[in-house]
Amino acid sequence: QVQLVESGGGLVQAGGSLRLSCAASGSIFRFNVMGWYRQAPGKQRALVAHISSGSSTNYVDSVKGRFTISRDNTKNTVYLQMNSLKPEDTAVYYCNADGLTGYWGRGTQVTVSS
């Protein structure tokens, strides 16, 4: 059973930065894609960014130029560097492996104050 554990969330002022980490219980190299999703209050969970096993990346338009997803296969960890944070980035952020029917972490709260 794969376990994904997120960390790095918290409260930050607008314009600030946070780095989220997602540690997997086993090798992440086997996953075709890993990603970060977020769910704001009253909204559906939505993709933020994903990264393939070959390190190709894709971002939702609203975070392009501000967020960077990366992976370290030696540490079985995926990161999401978030810069220039905005109040609308406030959400619970979830780590995912292998898409919507794959594996999920429990989430980490990110709150951006104005």
PDB file of N, CA and C in Angstrom:
ATOM      1  N   GLN A   1       0.842  -1.185   0.000  1.00  0.00           N
ATOM      2  CA  GLN A   1       0.000   0.000   0.000  1.00  0.00           C
ATOM      3  C   GLN A   1       0.883   1.243   0.000  1.00  0.00           C
ATOM      4  N   VAL A   2       0.623   2.136  -0.927  1.00  0.00           N
ATOM      5  CA  VAL A   2       1.403   3.352  -1.036  1.00  0.00           C
ATOM      6  C   VAL A   2       0.846   4.400  -0.085  1.00  0.00           C
ATOM      7  N   GLN A   3       1.726   5.066   0.614  1.00  0.00           N
ATOM      8  CA  GLN A   3       1.327   6.195   1.456  1.00  0.00           C
ATOM      9  C   GLN A   3       2.035   7.450   0.974  1.00  0.00           C
ATOM     10  N   LEU A   4       1.255   8.523   0.871  1.00  0.00           N
ATOM     11  CA  LEU A   4       1.782   9.829   0.509  1.00  0.00           C
ATOM     12  C   LEU A   4       1.519  10.779   1.666  1.00  0.00           C
ATOM     13  N   VAL A   5       2.561  11.447   2.125  1.00  0.00           N
ATOM     14  CA  VAL A   5       2.429  12.334   3.279  1.00  0.00           C
ATOM     15  C   VAL A   5       2.906  13.725   2.890  1.00  0.00           C
ATOM     16  N   GLU A   6       1.964  14.679   2.950  1.00  0.00           N
ATOM     17  CA  GLU A   6       2.299  16.069   2.622  1.00  0.00           C
ATOM     18  C   GLU A   6       2.776  16.815   3.854  1.00  0.00           C
ATOM     19  N   SER A   7       3.610  17.804   3.623  1.00  0.00           N
ATOM     20  CA  SER A   7       4.042  18.707   4.680  1.00  0.00           C
ATOM     21  C   SER A   7       4.419  20.050   4.071  1.00  0.00           C
ATOM     22  N   GLY A   8       4.559  21.049   4.931  1.00  0.00           N
ATOM     23  CA  GLY A   8       5.016  22.347   4.466  1.00  0.00           C
ATOM     24  C   GLY A   8       3.943  23.414   4.352  1.00  0.00           C
ATOM     25  N   GLY A   9       2.702  23.045   4.600  1.00  0.00           N
ATOM     26  CA  GLY A   9       1.645  24.047   4.552  1.00  0.00           C
ATOM     27  C   GLY A   9       1.721  24.992   5.739  1.00  0.00           C
ATOM     28  N   GLY A  10       0.875  26.021   5.700  1.00  0.00           N
ATOM     29  CA  GLY A  10       0.854  26.966   6.798  1.00  0.00           C
ATOM     30  C   GLY A  10       0.181  28.255   6.411  1.00  0.00           C
ATOM     31  N   LEU A  11       0.374  29.246   7.245  1.00  0.00           N
ATOM     32  CA  LEU A  11      -0.206  30.576   7.036  1.00  0.00           C
ATOM     33  C   LEU A  11       0.895  31.513   6.559  1.00  0.00           C
ATOM     34  N   VAL A  12       0.609  32.226   5.486  1.00  0.00           N
ATOM     35  CA  VAL A  12       1.598  33.138   4.923  1.00  0.00           C
ATOM     36  C   VAL A  12       0.875  34.373   4.394  1.00  0.00           C
ATOM     37  N   GLN A  13       1.549  35.488   4.396  1.00  0.00           N
ATOM     38  CA  GLN A  13       0.970  36.710   3.845  1.00  0.00           C
ATOM     39  C   GLN A  13       1.050  36.693   2.322  1.00  0.00           C
ATOM     40  N   ALA A  14       0.169  37.424   1.718  1.00  0.00           N
ATOM     41  CA  ALA A  14       0.186  37.554   0.258  1.00  0.00           C
ATOM     42  C   ALA A  14       1.560  38.044  -0.196  1.00  0.00           C
ATOM     43  N   GLY A  15       2.048  37.424  -1.255  1.00  0.00           N
ATOM     44  CA  GLY A  15       3.379  37.735  -1.750  1.00  0.00           C
ATOM     45  C   GLY A  15       4.464  36.834  -1.213  1.00  0.00           C
ATOM     46  N   GLY A  16       4.126  36.059  -0.199  1.00  0.00           N
ATOM     47  CA  GLY A  16       5.093  35.171   0.410  1.00  0.00           C
ATOM     48  C   GLY A  16       5.258  33.863  -0.342  1.00  0.00           C
ATOM     49  N   SER A  17       6.059  32.977   0.262  1.00  0.00           N
ATOM     50  CA  SER A  17       6.389  31.697  -0.362  1.00  0.00           C
ATOM     51  C   SER A  17       6.230  30.544   0.621  1.00  0.00           C
ATOM     52  N   LEU A  18       5.936  29.398   0.075  1.00  0.00           N
ATOM     53  CA  LEU A  18       5.920  28.145   0.825  1.00  0.00           C
ATOM     54  C   LEU A  18       6.440  27.046  -0.089  1.00  0.00           C
ATOM     55  N   ARG A  19       7.019  26.017   0.509  1.00  0.00           N
ATOM     56  CA  ARG A  19       7.391  24.830  -0.247  1.00  0.00           C
ATOM     57  C   ARG A  19       6.715  23.620   0.364  1.00  0.00           C
ATOM     58  N   LEU A  20       5.895  22.989  -0.431  1.00  0.00           N
ATOM     59  CA  LEU A  20       5.229  21.765  -0.005  1.00  0.00           C
ATOM     60  C   LEU A  20       6.079  20.567  -0.397  1.00  0.00           C
ATOM     61  N   SER A  21       6.046  19.553   0.459  1.00  0.00           N
ATOM     62  CA  SER A  21       6.735  18.296   0.179  1.00  0.00           C
ATOM     63  C   SER A  21       5.739  17.154   0.253  1.00  0.00           C
ATOM     64  N   CYS A  22       5.968  16.159  -0.567  1.00  0.00           N
ATOM     65  CA  CYS A  22       5.148  14.943  -0.549  1.00  0.00           C
ATOM     66  C   CYS A  22       6.102  13.762  -0.502  1.00  0.00           C
ATOM     67  N   ALA A  23       6.139  13.102   0.635  1.00  0.00           N
ATOM     68  CA  ALA A  23       7.010  11.948   0.811  1.00  0.00           C
ATOM     69  C   ALA A  23       6.224  10.665   0.603  1.00  0.00           C
ATOM     70  N   ALA A  24       6.742   9.814  -0.265  1.00  0.00           N
ATOM     71  CA  ALA A  24       6.085   8.537  -0.551  1.00  0.00           C
ATOM     72  C   ALA A  24       6.738   7.421   0.248  1.00  0.00           C
ATOM     73  N   SER A  25       5.921   6.399   0.552  1.00  0.00           N
ATOM     74  CA  SER A  25       6.426   5.278   1.358  1.00  0.00           C
ATOM     75  C   SER A  25       7.321   4.356   0.549  1.00  0.00           C
ATOM     76  N   GLY A  26       7.260   4.457  -0.762  1.00  0.00           N
ATOM     77  CA  GLY A  26       8.117   3.633  -1.604  1.00  0.00           C
ATOM     78  C   GLY A  26       8.647   4.443  -2.765  1.00  0.00           C
ATOM     79  N   SER A  27       9.213   3.748  -3.721  1.00  0.00           N
ATOM     80  CA  SER A  27       9.803   4.443  -4.856  1.00  0.00           C
ATOM     81  C   SER A  27       8.749   5.159  -5.689  1.00  0.00           C
ATOM     82  N   ILE A  28       9.022   6.405  -6.017  1.00  0.00           N
ATOM     83  CA  ILE A  28       8.099   7.159  -6.874  1.00  0.00           C
ATOM     84  C   ILE A  28       8.446   6.989  -8.344  1.00  0.00           C
ATOM     85  N   PHE A  29       9.550   6.337  -8.608  1.00  0.00           N
ATOM     86  CA  PHE A  29       9.988   6.198  -9.990  1.00  0.00           C
ATOM     87  C   PHE A  29       8.978   5.399 -10.798  1.00  0.00           C
ATOM     88  N   ARG A  30       8.240   4.496 -10.116  1.00  0.00           N
ATOM     89  CA  ARG A  30       7.282   3.650 -10.812  1.00  0.00           C
ATOM     90  C   ARG A  30       6.032   4.388 -11.256  1.00  0.00           C
ATOM     91  N   PHE A  31       5.800   5.592 -10.703  1.00  0.00           N
ATOM     92  CA  PHE A  31       4.594   6.323 -11.056  1.00  0.00           C
ATOM     93  C   PHE A  31       4.804   7.120 -12.338  1.00  0.00           C
ATOM     94  N   ASN A  32       3.883   6.970 -13.262  1.00  0.00           N
ATOM     95  CA  ASN A  32       3.993   7.704 -14.518  1.00  0.00           C
ATOM     96  C   ASN A  32       3.895   9.207 -14.313  1.00  0.00           C
ATOM     97  N   VAL A  33       3.049   9.596 -13.382  1.00  0.00           N
ATOM     98  CA  VAL A  33       2.866  11.010 -13.118  1.00  0.00           C
ATOM     99  C   VAL A  33       2.560  11.220 -11.645  1.00  0.00           C
ATOM    100  N   MET A  34       3.085  12.306 -11.119  1.00  0.00           N
ATOM    101  CA  MET A  34       2.734  12.725  -9.762  1.00  0.00           C
ATOM    102  C   MET A  34       2.308  14.180  -9.824  1.00  0.00           C
ATOM    103  N   GLY A  35       1.391  14.524  -8.934  1.00  0.00           N
ATOM    104  CA  GLY A  35       0.873  15.876  -9.032  1.00  0.00           C
ATOM    105  C   GLY A  35       0.402  16.445  -7.716  1.00  0.00           C
ATOM    106  N   TRP A  36       0.087  17.707  -7.786  1.00  0.00           N
ATOM    107  CA  TRP A  36      -0.511  18.425  -6.668  1.00  0.00           C
ATOM    108  C   TRP A  36      -1.883  18.936  -7.110  1.00  0.00           C
ATOM    109  N   TYR A  37      -2.860  18.708  -6.248  1.00  0.00           N
ATOM    110  CA  TYR A  37      -4.203  19.216  -6.437  1.00  0.00           C
ATOM    111  C   TYR A  37      -4.533  20.113  -5.248  1.00  0.00           C
ATOM    112  N   ARG A  38      -5.557  20.917  -5.399  1.00  0.00           N
ATOM    113  CA  ARG A  38      -6.001  21.722  -4.269  1.00  0.00           C
ATOM    114  C   ARG A  38      -7.521  21.820  -4.258  1.00  0.00           C
ATOM    115  N   GLN A  39      -8.028  22.011  -3.051  1.00  0.00           N
ATOM    116  CA  GLN A  39      -9.474  22.153  -2.886  1.00  0.00           C
ATOM    117  C   GLN A  39      -9.744  23.307  -1.947  1.00  0.00           C
ATOM    118  N   ALA A  40     -10.360  24.340  -2.484  1.00  0.00           N
ATOM    119  CA  ALA A  40     -10.740  25.490  -1.686  1.00  0.00           C
ATOM    120  C   ALA A  40     -12.138  25.256  -1.112  1.00  0.00           C
ATOM    121  N   PRO A  41     -12.493  25.945  -0.048  1.00  0.00           N
ATOM    122  CA  PRO A  41     -13.821  25.767   0.553  1.00  0.00           C
ATOM    123  C   PRO A  41     -14.937  25.985  -0.463  1.00  0.00           C
ATOM    124  N   GLY A  42     -15.842  25.038  -0.534  1.00  0.00           N
ATOM    125  CA  GLY A  42     -16.975  25.154  -1.443  1.00  0.00           C
ATOM    126  C   GLY A  42     -16.669  24.871  -2.894  1.00  0.00           C
ATOM    127  N   LYS A  43     -15.450  24.434  -3.188  1.00  0.00           N
ATOM    128  CA  LYS A  43     -15.066  24.162  -4.567  1.00  0.00           C
ATOM    129  C   LYS A  43     -14.603  22.728  -4.723  1.00  0.00           C
ATOM    130  N   GLN A  44     -14.573  22.282  -5.956  1.00  0.00           N
ATOM    131  CA  GLN A  44     -14.094  20.935  -6.228  1.00  0.00           C
ATOM    132  C   GLN A  44     -12.574  20.895  -6.213  1.00  0.00           C
ATOM    133  N   ARG A  45     -12.065  19.700  -5.960  1.00  0.00           N
ATOM    134  CA  ARG A  45     -10.619  19.515  -6.035  1.00  0.00           C
ATOM    135  C   ARG A  45     -10.162  19.686  -7.482  1.00  0.00           C
ATOM    136  N   ALA A  46      -9.054  20.400  -7.656  1.00  0.00           N
ATOM    137  CA  ALA A  46      -8.590  20.713  -9.001  1.00  0.00           C
ATOM    138  C   ALA A  46      -7.084  20.561  -9.097  1.00  0.00           C
ATOM    139  N   LEU A  47      -6.632  20.211 -10.284  1.00  0.00           N
ATOM    140  CA  LEU A  47      -5.204  20.041 -10.529  1.00  0.00           C
ATOM    141  C   LEU A  47      -4.489  21.379 -10.442  1.00  0.00           C
ATOM    142  N   VAL A  48      -3.322  21.369  -9.787  1.00  0.00           N
ATOM    143  CA  VAL A  48      -2.461  22.540  -9.744  1.00  0.00           C
ATOM    144  C   VAL A  48      -1.284  22.343 -10.698  1.00  0.00           C
ATOM    145  N   ALA A  49      -0.622  21.198 -10.556  1.00  0.00           N
ATOM    146  CA  ALA A  49       0.551  20.920 -11.393  1.00  0.00           C
ATOM    147  C   ALA A  49       0.810  19.428 -11.356  1.00  0.00           C
ATOM    148  N   HIS A  50       1.436  18.907 -12.423  1.00  0.00           N
ATOM    149  CA  HIS A  50       1.888  17.529 -12.364  1.00  0.00           C
ATOM    150  C   HIS A  50       3.216  17.394 -13.087  1.00  0.00           C
ATOM    151  N   ILE A  51       3.896  16.308 -12.755  1.00  0.00           N
ATOM    152  CA  ILE A  51       5.223  16.049 -13.302  1.00  0.00           C
ATOM    153  C   ILE A  51       5.301  14.575 -13.669  1.00  0.00           C
ATOM    154  N   SER A  52       5.821  14.308 -14.851  1.00  0.00           N
ATOM    155  CA  SER A  52       5.914  12.927 -15.325  1.00  0.00           C
ATOM    156  C   SER A  52       7.175  12.263 -14.806  1.00  0.00           C
ATOM    157  N   SER A  53       7.265  10.978 -15.066  1.00  0.00           N
ATOM    158  CA  SER A  53       8.464  10.237 -14.671  1.00  0.00           C
ATOM    159  C   SER A  53       9.689  10.765 -15.405  1.00  0.00           C
ATOM    160  N   GLY A  54       9.472  11.380 -16.551  1.00  0.00           N
ATOM    161  CA  GLY A  54      10.567  11.993 -17.302  1.00  0.00           C
ATOM    162  C   GLY A  54      10.787  13.450 -16.976  1.00  0.00           C
ATOM    163  N   SER A  55      10.078  13.907 -15.935  1.00  0.00           N
ATOM    164  CA  SER A  55      10.189  15.281 -15.424  1.00  0.00           C
ATOM    165  C   SER A  55       9.580  16.348 -16.325  1.00  0.00           C
ATOM    166  N   SER A  56       8.688  15.949 -17.225  1.00  0.00           N
ATOM    167  CA  SER A  56       7.889  16.951 -17.944  1.00  0.00           C
ATOM    168  C   SER A  56       6.847  17.506 -16.991  1.00  0.00           C
ATOM    169  N   THR A  57       6.613  18.803 -17.080  1.00  0.00           N
ATOM    170  CA  THR A  57       5.713  19.437 -16.128  1.00  0.00           C
ATOM    171  C   THR A  57       4.550  20.125 -16.830  1.00  0.00           C
ATOM    172  N   ASN A  58       3.468  20.281 -16.076  1.00  0.00           N
ATOM    173  CA  ASN A  58       2.299  20.981 -16.580  1.00  0.00           C
ATOM    174  C   ASN A  58       1.657  21.722 -15.417  1.00  0.00           C
ATOM    175  N   TYR A  59       1.169  22.942 -15.689  1.00  0.00           N
ATOM    176  CA  TYR A  59       0.602  23.780 -14.638  1.00  0.00           C
ATOM    177  C   TYR A  59      -0.747  24.347 -15.076  1.00  0.00           C
ATOM    178  N   VAL A  60      -1.609  24.542 -14.097  1.00  0.00           N
ATOM    179  CA  VAL A  60      -2.833  25.276 -14.382  1.00  0.00           C
ATOM    180  C   VAL A  60      -2.440  26.739 -14.624  1.00  0.00           C
ATOM    181  N   ASP A  61      -3.187  27.408 -15.490  1.00  0.00           N
ATOM    182  CA  ASP A  61      -2.795  28.764 -15.895  1.00  0.00           C
ATOM    183  C   ASP A  61      -2.618  29.721 -14.719  1.00  0.00           C
ATOM    184  N   SER A  62      -3.436  29.568 -13.701  1.00  0.00           N
ATOM    185  CA  SER A  62      -3.419  30.530 -12.597  1.00  0.00           C
ATOM    186  C   SER A  62      -2.148  30.488 -11.763  1.00  0.00           C
ATOM    187  N   VAL A  63      -1.334  29.430 -11.897  1.00  0.00           N
ATOM    188  CA  VAL A  63      -0.104  29.340 -11.106  1.00  0.00           C
ATOM    189  C   VAL A  63       1.156  29.397 -11.953  1.00  0.00           C
ATOM    190  N   LYS A  64       0.997  29.435 -13.256  1.00  0.00           N
ATOM    191  CA  LYS A  64       2.168  29.485 -14.136  1.00  0.00           C
ATOM    192  C   LYS A  64       3.030  30.697 -13.814  1.00  0.00           C
ATOM    193  N   GLY A  65       4.338  30.460 -13.713  1.00  0.00           N
ATOM    194  CA  GLY A  65       5.263  31.533 -13.391  1.00  0.00           C
ATOM    195  C   GLY A  65       5.429  31.784 -11.906  1.00  0.00           C
ATOM    196  N   ARG A  66       4.563  31.174 -11.101  1.00  0.00           N
ATOM    197  CA  ARG A  66       4.653  31.357  -9.642  1.00  0.00           C
ATOM    198  C   ARG A  66       4.982  30.056  -8.912  1.00  0.00           C
ATOM    199  N   PHE A  67       4.480  28.946  -9.403  1.00  0.00           N
ATOM    200  CA  PHE A  67       4.690  27.643  -8.750  1.00  0.00           C
ATOM    201  C   PHE A  67       5.633  26.798  -9.601  1.00  0.00           C
ATOM    202  N   THR A  68       6.410  25.961  -8.910  1.00  0.00           N
ATOM    203  CA  THR A  68       7.293  25.022  -9.587  1.00  0.00           C
ATOM    204  C   THR A  68       7.183  23.659  -8.933  1.00  0.00           C
ATOM    205  N   ILE A  69       6.894  22.662  -9.738  1.00  0.00           N
ATOM    206  CA  ILE A  69       6.835  21.289  -9.249  1.00  0.00           C
ATOM    207  C   ILE A  69       8.130  20.590  -9.622  1.00  0.00           C
ATOM    208  N   SER A  70       8.618  19.758  -8.706  1.00  0.00           N
ATOM    209  CA  SER A  70       9.843  19.006  -8.972  1.00  0.00           C
ATOM    210  C   SER A  70       9.765  17.682  -8.233  1.00  0.00           C
ATOM    211  N   ARG A  71      10.636  16.783  -8.603  1.00  0.00           N
ATOM    212  CA  ARG A  71      10.672  15.478  -7.940  1.00  0.00           C
ATOM    213  C   ARG A  71      12.105  15.061  -7.711  1.00  0.00           C
ATOM    214  N   ASP A  72      12.327  14.364  -6.601  1.00  0.00           N
ATOM    215  CA  ASP A  72      13.626  13.800  -6.268  1.00  0.00           C
ATOM    216  C   ASP A  72      13.412  12.307  -6.080  1.00  0.00           C
ATOM    217  N   ASN A  73      13.729  11.540  -7.105  1.00  0.00           N
ATOM    218  CA  ASN A  73      13.494  10.104  -7.049  1.00  0.00           C
ATOM    219  C   ASN A  73      14.362   9.422  -5.988  1.00  0.00           C
ATOM    220  N   THR A  74      15.505   9.999  -5.661  1.00  0.00           N
ATOM    221  CA  THR A  74      16.374   9.389  -4.657  1.00  0.00           C
ATOM    222  C   THR A  74      15.785   9.529  -3.253  1.00  0.00           C
ATOM    223  N   LYS A  75      14.953  10.548  -3.077  1.00  0.00           N
ATOM    224  CA  LYS A  75      14.318  10.759  -1.770  1.00  0.00           C
ATOM    225  C   LYS A  75      12.842  10.381  -1.787  1.00  0.00           C
ATOM    226  N   ASN A  76      12.361   9.892  -2.937  1.00  0.00           N
ATOM    227  CA  ASN A  76      10.945   9.521  -3.070  1.00  0.00           C
ATOM    228  C   ASN A  76      10.032  10.669  -2.665  1.00  0.00           C
ATOM    229  N   THR A  77      10.376  11.854  -3.114  1.00  0.00           N
ATOM    230  CA  THR A  77       9.668  13.059  -2.693  1.00  0.00           C
ATOM    231  C   THR A  77       9.371  13.958  -3.893  1.00  0.00           C
ATOM    232  N   VAL A  78       8.192  14.547  -3.848  1.00  0.00           N
ATOM    233  CA  VAL A  78       7.781  15.542  -4.838  1.00  0.00           C
ATOM    234  C   VAL A  78       7.573  16.860  -4.105  1.00  0.00           C
ATOM    235  N   TYR A  79       7.962  17.935  -4.757  1.00  0.00           N
ATOM    236  CA  TYR A  79       7.888  19.255  -4.135  1.00  0.00           C
ATOM    237  C   TYR A  79       6.992  20.187  -4.946  1.00  0.00           C
ATOM    238  N   LEU A  80       6.456  21.172  -4.257  1.00  0.00           N
ATOM    239  CA  LEU A  80       5.760  22.258  -4.934  1.00  0.00           C
ATOM    240  C   LEU A  80       6.248  23.561  -4.305  1.00  0.00           C
ATOM    241  N   GLN A  81       7.074  24.271  -5.033  1.00  0.00           N
ATOM    242  CA  GLN A  81       7.541  25.577  -4.584  1.00  0.00           C
ATOM    243  C   GLN A  81       6.520  26.610  -5.019  1.00  0.00           C
ATOM    244  N   MET A  82       6.003  27.352  -4.066  1.00  0.00           N
ATOM    245  CA  MET A  82       4.951  28.325  -4.339  1.00  0.00           C
ATOM    246  C   MET A  82       5.453  29.712  -3.966  1.00  0.00           C
ATOM    247  N   ASN A  83       5.565  30.566  -4.949  1.00  0.00           N
ATOM    248  CA  ASN A  83       6.022  31.947  -4.750  1.00  0.00           C
ATOM    249  C   ASN A  83       4.905  32.910  -5.110  1.00  0.00           C
ATOM    250  N   SER A  84       5.068  34.141  -4.669  1.00  0.00           N
ATOM    251  CA  SER A  84       4.091  35.202  -4.966  1.00  0.00           C
ATOM    252  C   SER A  84       2.672  34.739  -4.669  1.00  0.00           C
ATOM    253  N   LEU A  85       2.496  34.169  -3.507  1.00  0.00           N
ATOM    254  CA  LEU A  85       1.198  33.596  -3.145  1.00  0.00           C
ATOM    255  C   LEU A  85       0.123  34.663  -3.055  1.00  0.00           C
ATOM    256  N   LYS A  86      -1.087  34.266  -3.416  1.00  0.00           N
ATOM    257  CA  LYS A  86      -2.240  35.151  -3.416  1.00  0.00           C
ATOM    258  C   LYS A  86      -3.319  34.560  -2.510  1.00  0.00           C
ATOM    259  N   PRO A  87      -4.213  35.387  -1.992  1.00  0.00           N
ATOM    260  CA  PRO A  87      -5.301  34.853  -1.155  1.00  0.00           C
ATOM    261  C   PRO A  87      -6.101  33.762  -1.861  1.00  0.00           C
ATOM    262  N   GLU A  88      -6.252  33.842  -3.167  1.00  0.00           N
ATOM    263  CA  GLU A  88      -7.009  32.827  -3.891  1.00  0.00           C
ATOM    264  C   GLU A  88      -6.279  31.496  -4.002  1.00  0.00           C
ATOM    265  N   ASP A  89      -5.031  31.431  -3.548  1.00  0.00           N
ATOM    266  CA  ASP A  89      -4.319  30.156  -3.470  1.00  0.00           C
ATOM    267  C   ASP A  89      -4.671  29.389  -2.194  1.00  0.00           C
ATOM    268  N   THR A  90      -5.420  29.999  -1.319  1.00  0.00           N
ATOM    269  CA  THR A  90      -5.822  29.344  -0.082  1.00  0.00           C
ATOM    270  C   THR A  90      -6.640  28.097  -0.378  1.00  0.00           C
ATOM    271  N   ALA A  91      -6.185  26.968   0.160  1.00  0.00           N
ATOM    272  CA  ALA A  91      -6.840  25.685  -0.099  1.00  0.00           C
ATOM    273  C   ALA A  91      -6.125  24.595   0.684  1.00  0.00           C
ATOM    274  N   VAL A  92      -6.723  23.425   0.686  1.00  0.00           N
ATOM    275  CA  VAL A  92      -6.016  22.228   1.129  1.00  0.00           C
ATOM    276  C   VAL A  92      -5.332  21.645  -0.111  1.00  0.00           C
ATOM    277  N   TYR A  93      -4.048  21.403   0.007  1.00  0.00           N
ATOM    278  CA  TYR A  93      -3.251  20.897  -1.110  1.00  0.00           C
ATOM    279  C   TYR A  93      -2.998  19.398  -0.908  1.00  0.00           C
ATOM    280  N   TYR A  94      -3.280  18.641  -1.952  1.00  0.00           N
ATOM    281  CA  TYR A  94      -3.158  17.185  -1.901  1.00  0.00           C
ATOM    282  C   TYR A  94      -2.111  16.696  -2.890  1.00  0.00           C
ATOM    283  N   CYS A  95      -1.340  15.750  -2.449  1.00  0.00           N
ATOM    284  CA  CYS A  95      -0.392  15.060  -3.317  1.00  0.00           C
ATOM    285  C   CYS A  95      -1.093  13.867  -3.966  1.00  0.00           C
ATOM    286  N   ASN A  96      -0.735  13.612  -5.194  1.00  0.00           N
ATOM    287  CA  ASN A  96      -1.365  12.517  -5.939  1.00  0.00           C
ATOM    288  C   ASN A  96      -0.330  11.764  -6.751  1.00  0.00           C
ATOM    289  N   ALA A  97      -0.541  10.469  -6.851  1.00  0.00           N
ATOM    290  CA  ALA A  97       0.297   9.636  -7.712  1.00  0.00           C
ATOM    291  C   ALA A  97      -0.604   8.857  -8.662  1.00  0.00           C
ATOM    292  N   ASP A  98      -0.284   8.946  -9.940  1.00  0.00           N
ATOM    293  CA  ASP A  98      -0.981   8.184 -10.971  1.00  0.00           C
ATOM    294  C   ASP A  98      -2.439   8.593 -11.185  1.00  0.00           C
ATOM    295  N   GLY A  99      -2.733   9.856 -11.067  1.00  0.00           N
ATOM    296  CA  GLY A  99      -4.025  10.369 -11.491  1.00  0.00           C
ATOM    297  C   GLY A  99      -5.152  10.163 -10.510  1.00  0.00           C
ATOM    298  N   LEU A 100      -6.360  10.496 -10.982  1.00  0.00           N
ATOM    299  CA  LEU A 100      -7.521  10.556 -10.095  1.00  0.00           C
ATOM    300  C   LEU A 100      -7.853   9.218  -9.456  1.00  0.00           C
ATOM    301  N   THR A 101      -7.558   8.126 -10.122  1.00  0.00           N
ATOM    302  CA  THR A 101      -7.850   6.806  -9.558  1.00  0.00           C
ATOM    303  C   THR A 101      -6.643   6.207  -8.869  1.00  0.00           C
ATOM    304  N   GLY A 102      -5.611   7.012  -8.676  1.00  0.00           N
ATOM    305  CA  GLY A 102      -4.383   6.519  -8.054  1.00  0.00           C
ATOM    306  C   GLY A 102      -4.372   6.724  -6.553  1.00  0.00           C
ATOM    307  N   TYR A 103      -3.264   7.246  -6.070  1.00  0.00           N
ATOM    308  CA  TYR A 103      -3.062   7.372  -4.633  1.00  0.00           C
ATOM    309  C   TYR A 103      -3.086   8.848  -4.218  1.00  0.00           C
ATOM    310  N   TRP A 104      -3.597   9.042  -2.990  1.00  0.00           N
ATOM    311  CA  TRP A 104      -3.747  10.404  -2.465  1.00  0.00           C
ATOM    312  C   TRP A 104      -3.176  10.515  -1.070  1.00  0.00           C
ATOM    313  N   GLY A 105      -2.610  11.698  -0.783  1.00  0.00           N
ATOM    314  CA  GLY A 105      -2.275  12.026   0.580  1.00  0.00           C
ATOM    315  C   GLY A 105      -3.476  12.609   1.291  1.00  0.00           C
ATOM    316  N   ARG A 106      -3.288  12.952   2.556  1.00  0.00           N
ATOM    317  CA  ARG A 106      -4.394  13.488   3.349  1.00  0.00           C
ATOM    318  C   ARG A 106      -4.523  15.002   3.216  1.00  0.00           C
ATOM    319  N   GLY A 107      -3.532  15.637   2.660  1.00  0.00           N
ATOM    320  CA  GLY A 107      -3.615  17.069   2.416  1.00  0.00           C
ATOM    321  C   GLY A 107      -2.907  17.910   3.464  1.00  0.00           C
ATOM    322  N   THR A 108      -2.553  19.114   3.044  1.00  0.00           N
ATOM    323  CA  THR A 108      -1.950  20.095   3.937  1.00  0.00           C
ATOM    324  C   THR A 108      -2.579  21.456   3.640  1.00  0.00           C
ATOM    325  N   GLN A 109      -2.921  22.167   4.699  1.00  0.00           N
ATOM    326  CA  GLN A 109      -3.627  23.433   4.545  1.00  0.00           C
ATOM    327  C   GLN A 109      -2.649  24.558   4.209  1.00  0.00           C
ATOM    328  N   VAL A 110      -3.003  25.325   3.206  1.00  0.00           N
ATOM    329  CA  VAL A 110      -2.269  26.544   2.864  1.00  0.00           C
ATOM    330  C   VAL A 110      -3.246  27.711   2.979  1.00  0.00           C
ATOM    331  N   THR A 111      -2.892  28.675   3.792  1.00  0.00           N
ATOM    332  CA  THR A 111      -3.733  29.859   3.967  1.00  0.00           C
ATOM    333  C   THR A 111      -2.908  31.097   3.664  1.00  0.00           C
ATOM    334  N   VAL A 112      -3.409  31.902   2.739  1.00  0.00           N
ATOM    335  CA  VAL A 112      -2.717  33.123   2.346  1.00  0.00           C
ATOM    336  C   VAL A 112      -3.569  34.311   2.764  1.00  0.00           C
ATOM    337  N   SER A 113      -3.022  35.119   3.636  1.00  0.00           N
ATOM    338  CA  SER A 113      -3.761  36.285   4.132  1.00  0.00           C
ATOM    339  C   SER A 113      -3.459  37.512   3.282  1.00  0.00           C
ATOM    340  N   SER A 114      -4.452  38.384   3.189  1.00  0.00           N
ATOM    341  CA  SER A 114      -4.279  39.591   2.352  1.00  0.00           C
ATOM    342  C   SER A 114      -3.719  40.750   3.157  1.00  0.00           C
TER     343      SER A 114
END
